[in-house]
Amino acid sequence: MNELIFIVEEAPEGGFVARALGQSIFTESDTRAELPEKVRDSVRCHFEKEKRPKVIRLHHVREEVIAI
């Protein structure tokens, strides 16, 4: 595996949640700044060193509601 994509969303209670596509990896952080390190830690825990992806992409999804 060369690449792993995480979907990042704002948590209703504050902070951020990130979940990997195609893998059972999930993490949370209080701030956007600490999120990359939390994601790295969760990937390190999930994969053995030689099987870790080379690139991790964070895809930020933001819901926006507009009135008509």
N, C-alpha and C. Protein backbone atom coordinates (compact mmCIF):
# COMPACT_ATOMS: atom_id res chain seq x y z
N MET A 1 0.85 -1.18 0.00
CA MET A 1 0.00 0.00 0.00
C MET A 1 0.89 1.24 0.00
N ASN A 2 0.67 2.10 -0.96
CA ASN A 2 1.46 3.32 -1.06
C ASN A 2 0.79 4.52 -0.43
N GLU A 3 -0.56 4.48 -0.35
CA GLU A 3 -1.29 5.66 0.09
C GLU A 3 -2.50 5.26 0.93
N LEU A 4 -2.80 6.08 1.92
CA LEU A 4 -3.97 5.86 2.76
C LEU A 4 -4.69 7.20 2.89
N ILE A 5 -6.00 7.18 2.68
CA ILE A 5 -6.80 8.41 2.73
C ILE A 5 -7.67 8.39 3.97
N PHE A 6 -7.66 9.50 4.70
CA PHE A 6 -8.53 9.69 5.85
C PHE A 6 -9.56 10.76 5.52
N ILE A 7 -10.81 10.49 5.88
CA ILE A 7 -11.87 11.49 5.80
C ILE A 7 -11.90 12.20 7.16
N VAL A 8 -11.78 13.51 7.13
CA VAL A 8 -11.75 14.32 8.36
C VAL A 8 -13.01 15.17 8.41
N GLU A 9 -13.70 15.10 9.55
CA GLU A 9 -14.92 15.89 9.74
C GLU A 9 -14.86 16.55 11.11
N GLU A 10 -15.57 17.67 11.23
CA GLU A 10 -15.70 18.31 12.54
C GLU A 10 -16.65 17.46 13.38
N ALA A 11 -16.27 17.24 14.63
CA ALA A 11 -17.11 16.47 15.54
C ALA A 11 -18.20 17.39 16.10
N PRO A 12 -19.41 16.87 16.29
CA PRO A 12 -20.51 17.70 16.82
C PRO A 12 -20.18 18.32 18.18
N GLU A 13 -19.42 17.59 18.99
CA GLU A 13 -19.08 18.08 20.33
C GLU A 13 -17.81 18.93 20.34
N GLY A 14 -17.24 19.17 19.17
CA GLY A 14 -16.01 19.96 19.04
C GLY A 14 -14.83 19.07 18.67
N GLY A 15 -13.83 19.65 18.06
CA GLY A 15 -12.68 18.88 17.63
C GLY A 15 -12.93 18.25 16.28
N PHE A 16 -12.13 17.23 15.98
CA PHE A 16 -12.17 16.58 14.68
C PHE A 16 -12.11 15.07 14.82
N VAL A 17 -12.74 14.38 13.88
CA VAL A 17 -12.64 12.92 13.80
C VAL A 17 -12.09 12.58 12.42
N ALA A 18 -11.26 11.54 12.38
CA ALA A 18 -10.67 11.10 11.11
C ALA A 18 -10.82 9.59 11.01
N ARG A 19 -11.28 9.11 9.85
CA ARG A 19 -11.41 7.67 9.63
C ARG A 19 -10.81 7.32 8.29
N ALA A 20 -10.11 6.20 8.27
CA ALA A 20 -9.42 5.76 7.06
C ALA A 20 -10.40 5.05 6.13
N LEU A 21 -10.22 5.26 4.85
CA LEU A 21 -11.02 4.55 3.85
C LEU A 21 -10.40 3.17 3.63
N GLY A 22 -11.22 2.14 3.75
CA GLY A 22 -10.76 0.78 3.48
C GLY A 22 -10.00 0.11 4.61
N GLN A 23 -9.85 0.79 5.73
CA GLN A 23 -9.14 0.22 6.89
C GLN A 23 -9.95 0.55 8.15
N SER A 24 -9.75 -0.21 9.18
CA SER A 24 -10.43 0.03 10.46
C SER A 24 -9.56 0.92 11.34
N ILE A 25 -9.35 2.15 10.89
CA ILE A 25 -8.54 3.09 11.65
C ILE A 25 -9.37 4.35 11.88
N PHE A 26 -9.41 4.78 13.13
CA PHE A 26 -10.22 5.93 13.52
C PHE A 26 -9.46 6.68 14.61
N THR A 27 -9.46 8.01 14.54
CA THR A 27 -8.83 8.79 15.60
C THR A 27 -9.56 10.12 15.75
N GLU A 28 -9.29 10.79 16.85
CA GLU A 28 -9.90 12.08 17.16
C GLU A 28 -8.83 13.05 17.63
N SER A 29 -9.12 14.34 17.49
CA SER A 29 -8.23 15.35 18.06
C SER A 29 -9.05 16.57 18.44
N ASP A 30 -8.53 17.33 19.38
CA ASP A 30 -9.21 18.54 19.81
C ASP A 30 -9.00 19.69 18.84
N THR A 31 -7.85 19.70 18.17
CA THR A 31 -7.53 20.79 17.25
C THR A 31 -7.08 20.24 15.90
N ARG A 32 -7.18 21.08 14.90
CA ARG A 32 -6.72 20.71 13.56
C ARG A 32 -5.20 20.56 13.55
N ALA A 33 -4.52 21.35 14.36
CA ALA A 33 -3.05 21.31 14.40
C ALA A 33 -2.51 19.98 14.92
N GLU A 34 -3.20 19.37 15.89
CA GLU A 34 -2.71 18.11 16.44
C GLU A 34 -3.20 16.88 15.66
N LEU A 35 -4.11 17.08 14.72
CA LEU A 35 -4.68 15.97 13.97
C LEU A 35 -3.65 15.15 13.18
N PRO A 36 -2.73 15.76 12.44
CA PRO A 36 -1.77 14.94 11.68
C PRO A 36 -0.96 13.97 12.56
N GLU A 37 -0.54 14.41 13.73
CA GLU A 37 0.23 13.52 14.60
C GLU A 37 -0.65 12.40 15.15
N LYS A 38 -1.90 12.69 15.46
CA LYS A 38 -2.83 11.64 15.92
C LYS A 38 -3.05 10.60 14.81
N VAL A 39 -3.17 11.06 13.56
CA VAL A 39 -3.34 10.15 12.43
C VAL A 39 -2.09 9.29 12.26
N ARG A 40 -0.92 9.92 12.30
CA ARG A 40 0.34 9.16 12.19
C ARG A 40 0.42 8.08 13.26
N ASP A 41 0.11 8.45 14.50
CA ASP A 41 0.16 7.47 15.59
C ASP A 41 -0.79 6.30 15.36
N SER A 42 -1.99 6.59 14.89
CA SER A 42 -2.95 5.51 14.66
C SER A 42 -2.50 4.60 13.51
N VAL A 43 -1.87 5.16 12.49
CA VAL A 43 -1.36 4.35 11.37
C VAL A 43 -0.19 3.50 11.85
N ARG A 44 0.69 4.07 12.66
CA ARG A 44 1.82 3.31 13.20
C ARG A 44 1.34 2.12 14.03
N CYS A 45 0.27 2.31 14.78
CA CYS A 45 -0.27 1.22 15.61
C CYS A 45 -0.94 0.14 14.76
N HIS A 46 -1.51 0.51 13.64
CA HIS A 46 -2.28 -0.41 12.82
C HIS A 46 -1.42 -1.27 11.90
N PHE A 47 -0.33 -0.70 11.38
CA PHE A 47 0.51 -1.40 10.41
C PHE A 47 1.89 -1.71 10.98
N GLU A 48 2.45 -2.83 10.56
CA GLU A 48 3.85 -3.10 10.84
C GLU A 48 4.68 -2.13 10.00
N LYS A 49 5.89 -1.85 10.45
CA LYS A 49 6.72 -0.83 9.81
C LYS A 49 6.88 -1.04 8.31
N GLU A 50 7.14 -2.26 7.87
CA GLU A 50 7.37 -2.50 6.45
C GLU A 50 6.10 -2.46 5.60
N LYS A 51 4.93 -2.46 6.23
CA LYS A 51 3.66 -2.46 5.49
C LYS A 51 2.93 -1.12 5.57
N ARG A 52 3.52 -0.14 6.23
CA ARG A 52 2.87 1.17 6.35
C ARG A 52 2.82 1.88 5.00
N PRO A 53 1.75 2.67 4.80
CA PRO A 53 1.67 3.45 3.56
C PRO A 53 2.76 4.52 3.54
N LYS A 54 3.18 4.88 2.36
CA LYS A 54 4.21 5.92 2.20
C LYS A 54 3.62 7.32 2.36
N VAL A 55 2.34 7.47 1.97
CA VAL A 55 1.68 8.77 2.00
C VAL A 55 0.34 8.63 2.71
N ILE A 56 0.02 9.61 3.54
CA ILE A 56 -1.29 9.69 4.18
C ILE A 56 -1.94 10.99 3.72
N ARG A 57 -3.12 10.89 3.18
CA ARG A 57 -3.86 12.08 2.75
C ARG A 57 -5.01 12.33 3.72
N LEU A 58 -5.18 13.59 4.09
CA LEU A 58 -6.30 13.99 4.93
C LEU A 58 -7.28 14.77 4.05
N HIS A 59 -8.45 14.20 3.87
CA HIS A 59 -9.49 14.82 3.05
C HIS A 59 -10.50 15.46 4.01
N HIS A 60 -10.47 16.79 4.10
CA HIS A 60 -11.35 17.51 5.02
C HIS A 60 -12.71 17.72 4.38
N VAL A 61 -13.75 17.30 5.09
CA VAL A 61 -15.12 17.45 4.62
C VAL A 61 -15.83 18.41 5.58
N ARG A 62 -16.43 19.42 5.02
CA ARG A 62 -17.13 20.40 5.85
C ARG A 62 -18.55 20.56 5.33
N GLU A 63 -19.47 20.38 6.22
CA GLU A 63 -20.88 20.53 5.84
C GLU A 63 -21.27 21.99 6.01
N GLU A 64 -21.97 22.51 5.02
CA GLU A 64 -22.44 23.88 5.08
C GLU A 64 -23.91 23.91 4.70
N VAL A 65 -24.70 24.54 5.51
CA VAL A 65 -26.14 24.64 5.28
C VAL A 65 -26.44 26.07 4.86
N ILE A 66 -27.18 26.21 3.77
CA ILE A 66 -27.57 27.54 3.32
C ILE A 66 -29.10 27.60 3.20
N ALA A 67 -29.64 28.76 3.45
CA ALA A 67 -31.09 28.96 3.36
C ALA A 67 -31.45 29.40 1.94
N ILE A 68 -32.66 29.03 1.55
CA ILE A 68 -33.15 29.45 0.23
C ILE A 68 -34.15 30.56 0.42
